[in-house]
Amino acid sequence: MARPHDTRRLCILSLPMTSVSHDSPPRERAPAVTAEGESFASDPKRLRYAEVAIPASGKSVEIAPGVRWARIPLPMDLNHINVWLIDAHDGCIVVDTGMAASMGKEAWESIAADVFATKPLRGVFVTHIHPDHIGLAAWLQERHGVPVTMSRRTYEMASMMLDAGAQTPFSDAEKFFRANGLTDLEQMLPMFKPDRFIRMASGLPRVERFVADNEVAPFSREWTAMETNGHAEGHLCLSNAAARTLISGDQVLPTISSNISFTFRSGDTNPLGSYLSSLERLRALPAETLVLPSHGAPFYGLQQRIDDLTRHHHEQLEKVLNVCAEPRTAADLLPHMFRRELKGMHLYLALGEAVAHLEYLAQHGRLERRTTPDVIRYAAIS
């Protein structure tokens, strides 16, 4: 199909220092729409949060046997990323890195003094392309002389995004925005500065080995990579079946519905379909899996969270279908899908999510695209 937007037995894991709780999660600061997605928490009774105090910046706590939890601060509304330090060989591997900012580097220096002095850093594993995950990978590699691993697709996208000469001109983005009904583009310009992604990352790390779906992680035979697309192409989760532990990246978060966008850069023509399929794959993991997310608190209740996320997207799809009783652009859908005023990056992300829902319905025969030289509208098929 041509791309329509070429205009571009289950038991609770016994954990030292850890038990489960039916309490609400620790408070997190996040807006309604972020690069990770829209605020969407499950009923607290459906998830059980690990009773471990949130680690202070630059500190770590044991969250599972052989796994420590640390937080790296971020210079944005969603003010942290969780990183995971996994025992491996005679040291440890870190999963994800934070964004290239002084506060992140300072936190890593504290972690180095606290952890790496006795368990040297032996490698970095990146779950996906977004700068809060890959941003300090090259810096950690250079500082500690360690290998970096990720999916091939993540590396390909990082290579492109970190090449100033290959940056997308705003004219390409403008075509996409206008085709989807967005006309006030002034506020979009800052997001398409050639060096925007470059400033959020410490460079392109050297990668000697890529990790593929269902492949045993290079640092430990206990962990297996699972490619879970939709939020980001090439996104990898890490599953430890024996320990019933899942490092979920941004794919399953306890209080946020991950942003699922179709944009002018999309290689996946149906990201929402990819995301929902990935959730069904994760659903097959044991019911008492401990989920270690990139944002928010570690929790139990993977299947319950998947149920809630899936229901959320199907409710959004029903809204879209109802609104499209008359032909609509993606921009027309925004006040029906999102609760807050949308500006700048929030508007960009919300528009991409609207297009993803429209394209899902179109590819499932529920909507038809009505394309003119200037705009794409979608109408329900009766």
Protein backbone atom coordinates (compact mmCIF):
# COMPACT_ATOMS: atom_id res chain seq x y z
CA MET A 1 0.00 0.00 0.00
CA ALA A 2 1.32 3.40 -0.90
CA ARG A 3 1.88 5.72 1.99
CA PRO A 4 -0.95 8.27 2.16
CA HIS A 5 1.24 11.01 3.59
CA ASP A 6 4.18 10.99 1.24
CA THR A 7 3.68 14.69 1.30
CA ARG A 8 5.11 13.37 3.32
CA ARG A 9 0.98 -21.22 37.55
CA LEU A 10 1.65 -17.76 38.58
CA CYS A 11 3.18 -16.45 41.81
CA ILE A 12 4.39 -13.14 43.08
CA LEU A 13 8.11 -12.70 42.60
CA SER A 14 9.91 -12.57 45.94
CA LEU A 15 12.07 -9.47 46.02
CA PRO A 16 14.48 -8.35 48.73
CA MET A 17 13.40 -4.98 50.10
CA THR A 18 10.36 -5.12 47.84
CA SER A 19 6.70 -5.92 48.29
CA VAL A 20 3.59 -4.88 46.47
CA SER A 21 0.97 -2.36 47.39
CA HIS A 22 -2.52 -1.36 46.31
CA ASP A 23 -1.72 2.28 47.03
CA SER A 24 -1.70 5.00 44.45
CA PRO A 25 1.57 5.56 42.61
CA PRO A 26 4.03 8.20 43.75
CA ARG A 27 3.14 11.55 42.28
CA GLU A 28 4.75 12.27 38.96
CA ARG A 29 4.88 15.57 37.18
CA ALA A 30 3.80 15.23 33.58
CA PRO A 31 1.54 17.26 31.30
CA ALA A 32 -1.37 15.87 29.35
CA VAL A 33 0.69 15.34 26.23
CA THR A 34 4.45 14.73 26.25
CA ALA A 35 6.87 12.96 23.97
CA GLU A 36 5.87 9.86 25.95
CA GLY A 37 2.16 10.51 25.55
CA GLU A 38 -1.01 11.60 27.30
CA SER A 39 -1.64 11.39 31.05
CA PHE A 40 -3.79 8.28 31.47
CA ALA A 41 -3.57 6.46 34.80
CA SER A 42 -5.22 3.15 35.60
CA ASP A 43 -7.45 2.83 38.63
CA PRO A 44 -4.92 2.45 41.48
CA LYS A 45 -6.68 -0.75 42.58
CA ARG A 46 -5.75 -2.36 39.27
CA LEU A 47 -2.00 -1.88 39.68
CA ARG A 48 0.25 -2.74 42.61
CA TYR A 49 3.29 -0.55 43.01
CA ALA A 50 6.57 -1.77 44.42
CA GLU A 51 7.08 -0.45 47.94
CA VAL A 52 10.50 1.00 47.28
CA ALA A 53 11.28 4.64 47.82
CA ILE A 54 11.97 6.55 44.63
CA PRO A 55 15.74 6.93 44.38
CA ALA A 56 17.14 10.43 44.65
CA SER A 57 18.99 11.78 41.66
CA GLY A 58 22.38 10.10 41.41
CA LYS A 59 21.42 7.30 43.81
CA SER A 60 20.12 3.79 43.20
CA VAL A 61 18.04 1.16 45.01
CA GLU A 62 17.67 -2.58 44.48
CA ILE A 63 14.34 -3.28 42.82
CA ALA A 64 14.86 -6.96 41.88
CA PRO A 65 17.67 -9.49 42.32
CA GLY A 66 20.52 -8.22 40.20
CA VAL A 67 18.68 -5.06 39.13
CA ARG A 68 19.06 -1.57 40.57
CA TRP A 69 16.82 1.41 39.85
CA ALA A 70 18.17 4.91 39.37
CA ARG A 71 16.66 8.13 38.07
CA ILE A 72 18.21 10.67 35.76
CA PRO A 73 16.66 14.17 35.81
CA LEU A 74 15.38 15.66 32.56
CA PRO A 75 15.18 19.36 31.66
CA MET A 76 11.53 19.17 30.59
CA ASP A 77 7.97 18.79 31.90
CA LEU A 78 8.36 15.04 32.38
CA ASN A 79 11.25 15.56 34.75
CA HIS A 80 12.87 12.12 34.99
CA ILE A 81 13.74 8.91 33.25
CA ASN A 82 14.20 5.62 35.07
CA VAL A 83 17.39 3.76 34.22
CA TRP A 84 18.16 0.18 35.18
CA LEU A 85 21.54 -1.20 36.29
CA ILE A 86 21.71 -4.94 35.61
CA ASP A 87 24.40 -7.21 37.06
CA ALA A 88 26.41 -8.66 34.20
CA HIS A 89 29.76 -10.42 34.07
CA ASP A 90 31.97 -8.72 36.69
CA GLY A 91 30.14 -5.43 36.56
CA CYS A 92 26.86 -4.00 35.34
CA ILE A 93 25.01 -2.87 32.23
CA VAL A 94 22.83 0.24 32.18
CA VAL A 95 19.56 0.40 30.27
CA ASP A 96 18.94 3.88 28.86
CA THR A 97 20.82 7.05 29.68
CA GLY A 98 18.89 10.29 29.91
CA MET A 99 19.23 13.40 27.80
CA ALA A 100 22.48 15.24 27.07
CA ALA A 101 22.28 17.89 29.79
CA SER A 102 24.54 18.87 32.68
CA MET A 103 22.02 17.63 35.26
CA GLY A 104 22.07 14.19 33.64
CA LYS A 105 25.85 14.01 33.55
CA GLU A 106 26.04 15.05 37.21
CA ALA A 107 23.61 12.29 38.15
CA TRP A 108 25.70 9.72 36.27
CA GLU A 109 28.88 10.89 38.02
CA SER A 110 27.15 10.26 41.37
CA ILE A 111 25.98 6.84 40.21
CA ALA A 112 29.51 6.04 39.09
CA ALA A 113 30.86 6.85 42.56
CA ASP A 114 28.04 4.92 44.23
CA VAL A 115 27.84 1.82 42.00
CA PHE A 116 30.54 1.63 39.36
CA ALA A 117 33.31 1.71 41.98
CA THR A 118 32.37 -1.86 42.96
CA LYS A 119 30.47 -2.93 39.83
CA PRO A 120 32.20 -1.30 36.87
CA LEU A 121 30.11 -0.27 33.92
CA ARG A 122 30.44 -2.89 31.16
CA GLY A 123 27.96 -1.64 28.60
CA VAL A 124 24.95 0.47 27.65
CA PHE A 125 21.66 -0.83 26.24
CA VAL A 126 19.36 1.67 24.51
CA THR A 127 15.65 0.85 24.23
CA HIS A 128 14.82 3.36 21.48
CA ILE A 129 15.62 6.52 19.59
CA HIS A 130 14.12 9.24 21.77
CA PRO A 131 16.75 11.58 23.26
CA ASP A 132 15.88 10.91 26.89
CA HIS A 133 16.86 7.29 26.22
CA ILE A 134 19.81 7.56 23.82
CA GLY A 135 21.02 11.06 24.67
CA LEU A 136 23.99 10.21 26.91
CA ALA A 137 24.91 6.86 25.36
CA ALA A 138 27.90 8.26 23.44
CA TRP A 139 29.07 10.23 26.51
CA LEU A 140 28.94 7.13 28.74
CA GLN A 141 30.72 5.13 26.06
CA GLU A 142 33.54 7.64 25.79
CA ARG A 143 33.84 8.17 29.54
CA HIS A 144 33.90 4.47 30.49
CA GLY A 145 35.13 2.81 27.29
CA VAL A 146 32.17 0.45 27.01
CA PRO A 147 30.10 -0.97 24.13
CA VAL A 148 26.64 0.30 23.29
CA THR A 149 23.87 -1.94 21.93
CA MET A 150 20.46 -1.18 20.43
CA SER A 151 18.28 -2.32 17.56
CA ARG A 152 19.47 -1.73 14.03
CA ARG A 153 16.48 0.49 13.30
CA THR A 154 17.24 2.67 16.32
CA TYR A 155 20.79 3.10 15.10
CA GLU A 156 19.65 3.98 11.59
CA MET A 157 17.34 6.68 12.88
CA ALA A 158 19.99 8.02 15.27
CA SER A 159 22.47 8.25 12.41
CA MET A 160 19.99 10.32 10.42
CA MET A 161 18.87 12.54 13.28
CA LEU A 162 22.45 13.31 14.32
CA ASP A 163 23.55 14.19 10.80
CA ALA A 164 23.00 17.93 10.44
CA GLY A 165 23.15 17.63 6.67
CA ALA A 166 20.30 15.12 6.63
CA GLN A 167 17.86 17.10 8.75
CA THR A 168 14.30 17.39 7.46
CA PRO A 169 13.62 20.84 6.03
CA PHE A 170 10.63 22.60 7.50
CA SER A 171 9.01 22.65 4.07
CA ASP A 172 8.50 18.86 4.31
CA ALA A 173 6.94 19.21 7.75
CA GLU A 174 4.80 22.10 6.52
CA LYS A 175 3.28 19.95 3.78
CA PHE A 176 2.31 17.33 6.37
CA PHE A 177 0.81 19.89 8.75
CA ARG A 178 -1.21 21.66 6.07
CA ALA A 179 -2.41 18.38 4.54
CA ASN A 180 -3.81 17.44 7.95
CA GLY A 181 -5.61 20.73 8.50
CA LEU A 182 -3.07 22.67 10.57
CA THR A 183 -2.55 26.20 9.34
CA ASP A 184 -0.99 28.13 12.25
CA LEU A 185 2.58 26.94 11.75
CA GLU A 186 4.60 29.72 13.36
CA GLN A 187 4.81 27.87 16.67
CA MET A 188 6.15 24.77 14.91
CA LEU A 189 9.30 26.39 13.54
CA PRO A 190 11.48 25.98 16.70
CA MET A 191 10.97 22.20 16.60
CA PHE A 192 12.60 21.94 13.22
CA LYS A 193 15.86 23.74 13.83
CA PRO A 194 18.60 21.63 12.20
CA ASP A 195 20.48 21.09 15.46
CA ARG A 196 17.50 20.42 17.76
CA PHE A 197 18.03 16.66 18.16
CA ILE A 198 21.80 17.10 18.06
CA ARG A 199 21.68 19.38 21.11
CA MET A 200 19.75 16.72 23.08
CA ALA A 201 22.27 13.94 22.39
CA SER A 202 25.98 13.59 23.10
CA GLY A 203 26.73 12.22 19.65
CA LEU A 204 26.33 8.96 17.80
CA PRO A 205 27.68 6.02 19.82
CA ARG A 206 29.71 3.30 18.15
CA VAL A 207 27.65 0.11 17.87
CA GLU A 208 29.45 -3.13 17.05
CA ARG A 209 26.48 -5.41 17.65
CA PHE A 210 22.80 -4.85 17.05
CA VAL A 211 20.11 -6.65 19.04
CA ALA A 212 17.16 -8.17 17.20
CA ASP A 213 13.74 -9.39 18.27
CA ASN A 214 13.81 -12.59 20.38
CA GLU A 215 17.59 -12.39 20.65
CA VAL A 216 19.33 -13.04 23.94
CA ALA A 217 20.86 -9.82 25.19
CA PRO A 218 24.65 -9.72 24.70
CA PHE A 219 25.32 -8.93 28.36
CA SER A 220 23.29 -11.74 29.98
CA ARG A 221 21.60 -14.93 28.83
CA GLU A 222 18.81 -14.24 31.34
CA TRP A 223 17.44 -11.31 29.35
CA THR A 224 15.75 -11.47 25.94
CA ALA A 225 14.95 -8.57 23.65
CA MET A 226 11.38 -8.07 22.44
CA GLU A 227 10.80 -5.66 19.57
CA THR A 228 7.67 -3.69 20.36
CA ASN A 229 6.84 -1.07 17.78
CA GLY A 230 4.27 1.71 17.69
CA HIS A 231 5.73 4.29 20.06
CA ALA A 232 9.06 4.19 18.25
CA GLU A 233 10.34 2.06 15.41
CA GLY A 234 12.87 -0.49 16.64
CA HIS A 235 11.77 -0.09 20.29
CA LEU A 236 13.12 -2.95 22.43
CA CYS A 237 11.80 -4.23 25.75
CA LEU A 238 13.90 -6.64 27.83
CA SER A 239 12.27 -9.69 29.42
CA ASN A 240 13.75 -11.94 32.11
CA ALA A 241 11.37 -14.90 32.06
CA ALA A 242 12.96 -16.72 34.99
CA ALA A 243 12.72 -13.66 37.24
CA ARG A 244 9.36 -12.52 35.83
CA THR A 245 10.70 -9.05 35.15
CA LEU A 246 10.09 -6.78 32.16
CA ILE A 247 11.98 -3.61 31.33
CA SER A 248 9.24 -1.98 29.29
CA GLY A 249 10.88 1.19 28.02
CA ASP A 250 8.14 3.58 26.94
CA GLN A 251 5.88 0.81 25.63
CA VAL A 252 3.93 0.26 28.86
CA LEU A 253 3.89 3.10 31.40
CA PRO A 254 1.74 3.16 34.56
CA THR A 255 0.33 6.68 34.31
CA ILE A 256 0.88 7.71 30.70
CA SER A 257 -0.56 6.43 27.46
CA SER A 258 2.49 6.31 25.21
CA ASN A 259 2.42 8.71 22.29
CA ILE A 260 1.61 6.82 19.09
CA SER A 261 2.20 9.12 16.16
CA PHE A 262 2.06 9.01 12.40
CA THR A 263 4.21 11.86 11.07
CA PHE A 264 5.94 12.80 7.85
CA ARG A 265 8.96 10.82 9.11
CA SER A 266 7.01 7.60 9.77
CA GLY A 267 8.32 4.42 8.22
CA ASP A 268 5.46 2.50 9.85
CA THR A 269 2.23 3.23 7.99
CA ASN A 270 0.09 1.92 10.86
CA PRO A 271 1.84 2.71 14.15
CA LEU A 272 -1.31 2.27 16.24
CA GLY A 273 -1.81 -1.20 14.77
CA SER A 274 1.81 -2.00 15.57
CA TYR A 275 1.39 -0.73 19.11
CA LEU A 276 -1.79 -2.69 19.83
CA SER A 277 -0.17 -5.85 18.41
CA SER A 278 2.85 -5.34 20.65
CA LEU A 279 0.60 -5.02 23.69
CA GLU A 280 -1.00 -8.37 22.88
CA ARG A 281 2.44 -9.92 22.65
CA LEU A 282 3.41 -8.51 26.05
CA ARG A 283 0.11 -9.75 27.49
CA ALA A 284 1.44 -13.33 27.12
CA LEU A 285 4.06 -12.70 29.83
CA PRO A 286 3.34 -14.12 33.31
CA ALA A 287 0.61 -12.33 35.24
CA GLU A 288 2.91 -11.49 38.15
CA THR A 289 5.56 -9.87 36.03
CA LEU A 290 7.32 -6.91 37.64
CA VAL A 291 7.21 -4.07 35.13
CA LEU A 292 10.10 -1.62 35.14
CA PRO A 293 8.94 1.38 33.07
CA SER A 294 10.96 4.32 31.82
CA HIS A 295 8.69 6.83 33.57
CA GLY A 296 6.70 6.39 36.76
CA ALA A 297 6.99 3.69 39.42
CA PRO A 298 7.70 -0.05 39.01
CA PHE A 299 4.49 -2.01 39.22
CA TYR A 300 2.67 -5.33 38.99
CA GLY A 301 -0.45 -5.68 36.87
CA LEU A 302 0.86 -5.83 33.32
CA GLN A 303 -2.27 -7.42 31.87
CA GLN A 304 -4.53 -4.97 33.68
CA ARG A 305 -2.53 -2.05 32.32
CA ILE A 306 -2.63 -3.51 28.82
CA ASP A 307 -6.42 -3.88 29.16
CA ASP A 308 -6.72 -0.22 30.13
CA LEU A 309 -4.43 1.05 27.39
CA THR A 310 -6.19 -1.03 24.76
CA ARG A 311 -9.59 0.16 25.92
CA HIS A 312 -8.37 3.76 25.89
CA HIS A 313 -7.29 3.54 22.27
CA HIS A 314 -10.51 1.84 21.20
CA GLU A 315 -12.49 4.58 22.94
CA GLN A 316 -10.44 7.14 21.02
CA LEU A 317 -11.15 5.27 17.80
CA GLU A 318 -14.89 5.40 18.51
CA LYS A 319 -14.63 9.16 19.06
CA VAL A 320 -12.84 9.52 15.76
CA LEU A 321 -15.46 7.49 13.92
CA ASN A 322 -18.28 9.55 15.39
CA VAL A 323 -16.64 12.86 14.52
CA CYS A 324 -15.93 11.61 11.00
CA ALA A 325 -19.63 11.17 10.27
CA GLU A 326 -18.77 14.26 8.22
CA PRO A 327 -15.40 14.54 6.46
CA ARG A 328 -12.76 15.78 8.90
CA THR A 329 -9.08 16.58 8.97
CA ALA A 330 -6.78 15.35 11.73
CA ALA A 331 -6.70 18.88 13.15
CA ASP A 332 -10.51 18.83 13.45
CA LEU A 333 -10.22 15.87 15.83
CA LEU A 334 -7.89 17.43 18.39
CA PRO A 335 -10.50 19.02 20.71
CA HIS A 336 -12.37 15.70 20.73
CA MET A 337 -9.30 13.60 21.59
CA PHE A 338 -7.33 15.82 23.99
CA ARG A 339 -8.34 17.71 27.12
CA ARG A 340 -5.90 20.60 27.15
CA GLU A 341 -4.97 23.51 24.99
CA LEU A 342 -2.32 22.34 22.56
CA LYS A 343 0.67 24.43 21.56
CA GLY A 344 4.09 23.78 20.08
CA MET A 345 5.43 20.31 20.75
CA HIS A 346 2.18 19.24 22.42
CA LEU A 347 0.29 20.19 19.27
CA TYR A 348 2.75 18.34 17.04
CA LEU A 349 2.48 15.17 19.12
CA ALA A 350 -1.30 15.36 19.35
CA LEU A 351 -1.65 15.83 15.60
CA GLY A 352 0.54 12.78 14.97
CA GLU A 353 -1.60 10.75 17.35
CA ALA A 354 -4.78 11.87 15.61
CA VAL A 355 -3.38 10.84 12.21
CA ALA A 356 -2.33 7.46 13.66
CA HIS A 357 -5.93 6.80 14.76
CA LEU A 358 -7.32 7.94 11.43
CA GLU A 359 -4.90 5.76 9.49
CA TYR A 360 -5.71 2.74 11.66
CA LEU A 361 -9.38 3.13 10.83
CA ALA A 362 -8.72 3.78 7.16
CA GLN A 363 -6.55 0.68 6.85
CA HIS A 364 -9.27 -1.36 8.58
CA GLY A 365 -11.91 -0.18 6.13
CA ARG A 366 -13.81 2.06 8.56
CA LEU A 367 -12.82 5.40 7.04
CA GLU A 368 -12.06 6.59 3.55
CA ARG A 369 -9.46 9.22 2.71
CA ARG A 370 -10.63 12.12 0.61
CA THR A 371 -7.53 13.78 -0.73
CA THR A 372 -7.26 17.08 -2.57
CA PRO A 373 -4.04 18.88 -3.54
CA ASP A 374 -4.29 20.88 -0.32
CA VAL A 375 -5.77 18.70 2.40
CA ILE A 376 -6.66 15.15 3.47
CA ARG A 377 -10.05 14.54 5.03
CA TYR A 378 -11.39 11.28 6.42
CA ALA A 379 -15.01 10.19 6.30
CA ALA A 380 -16.78 7.25 7.93
CA ILE A 381 -17.81 4.45 5.60
CA SER A 382 -21.45 3.64 6.24
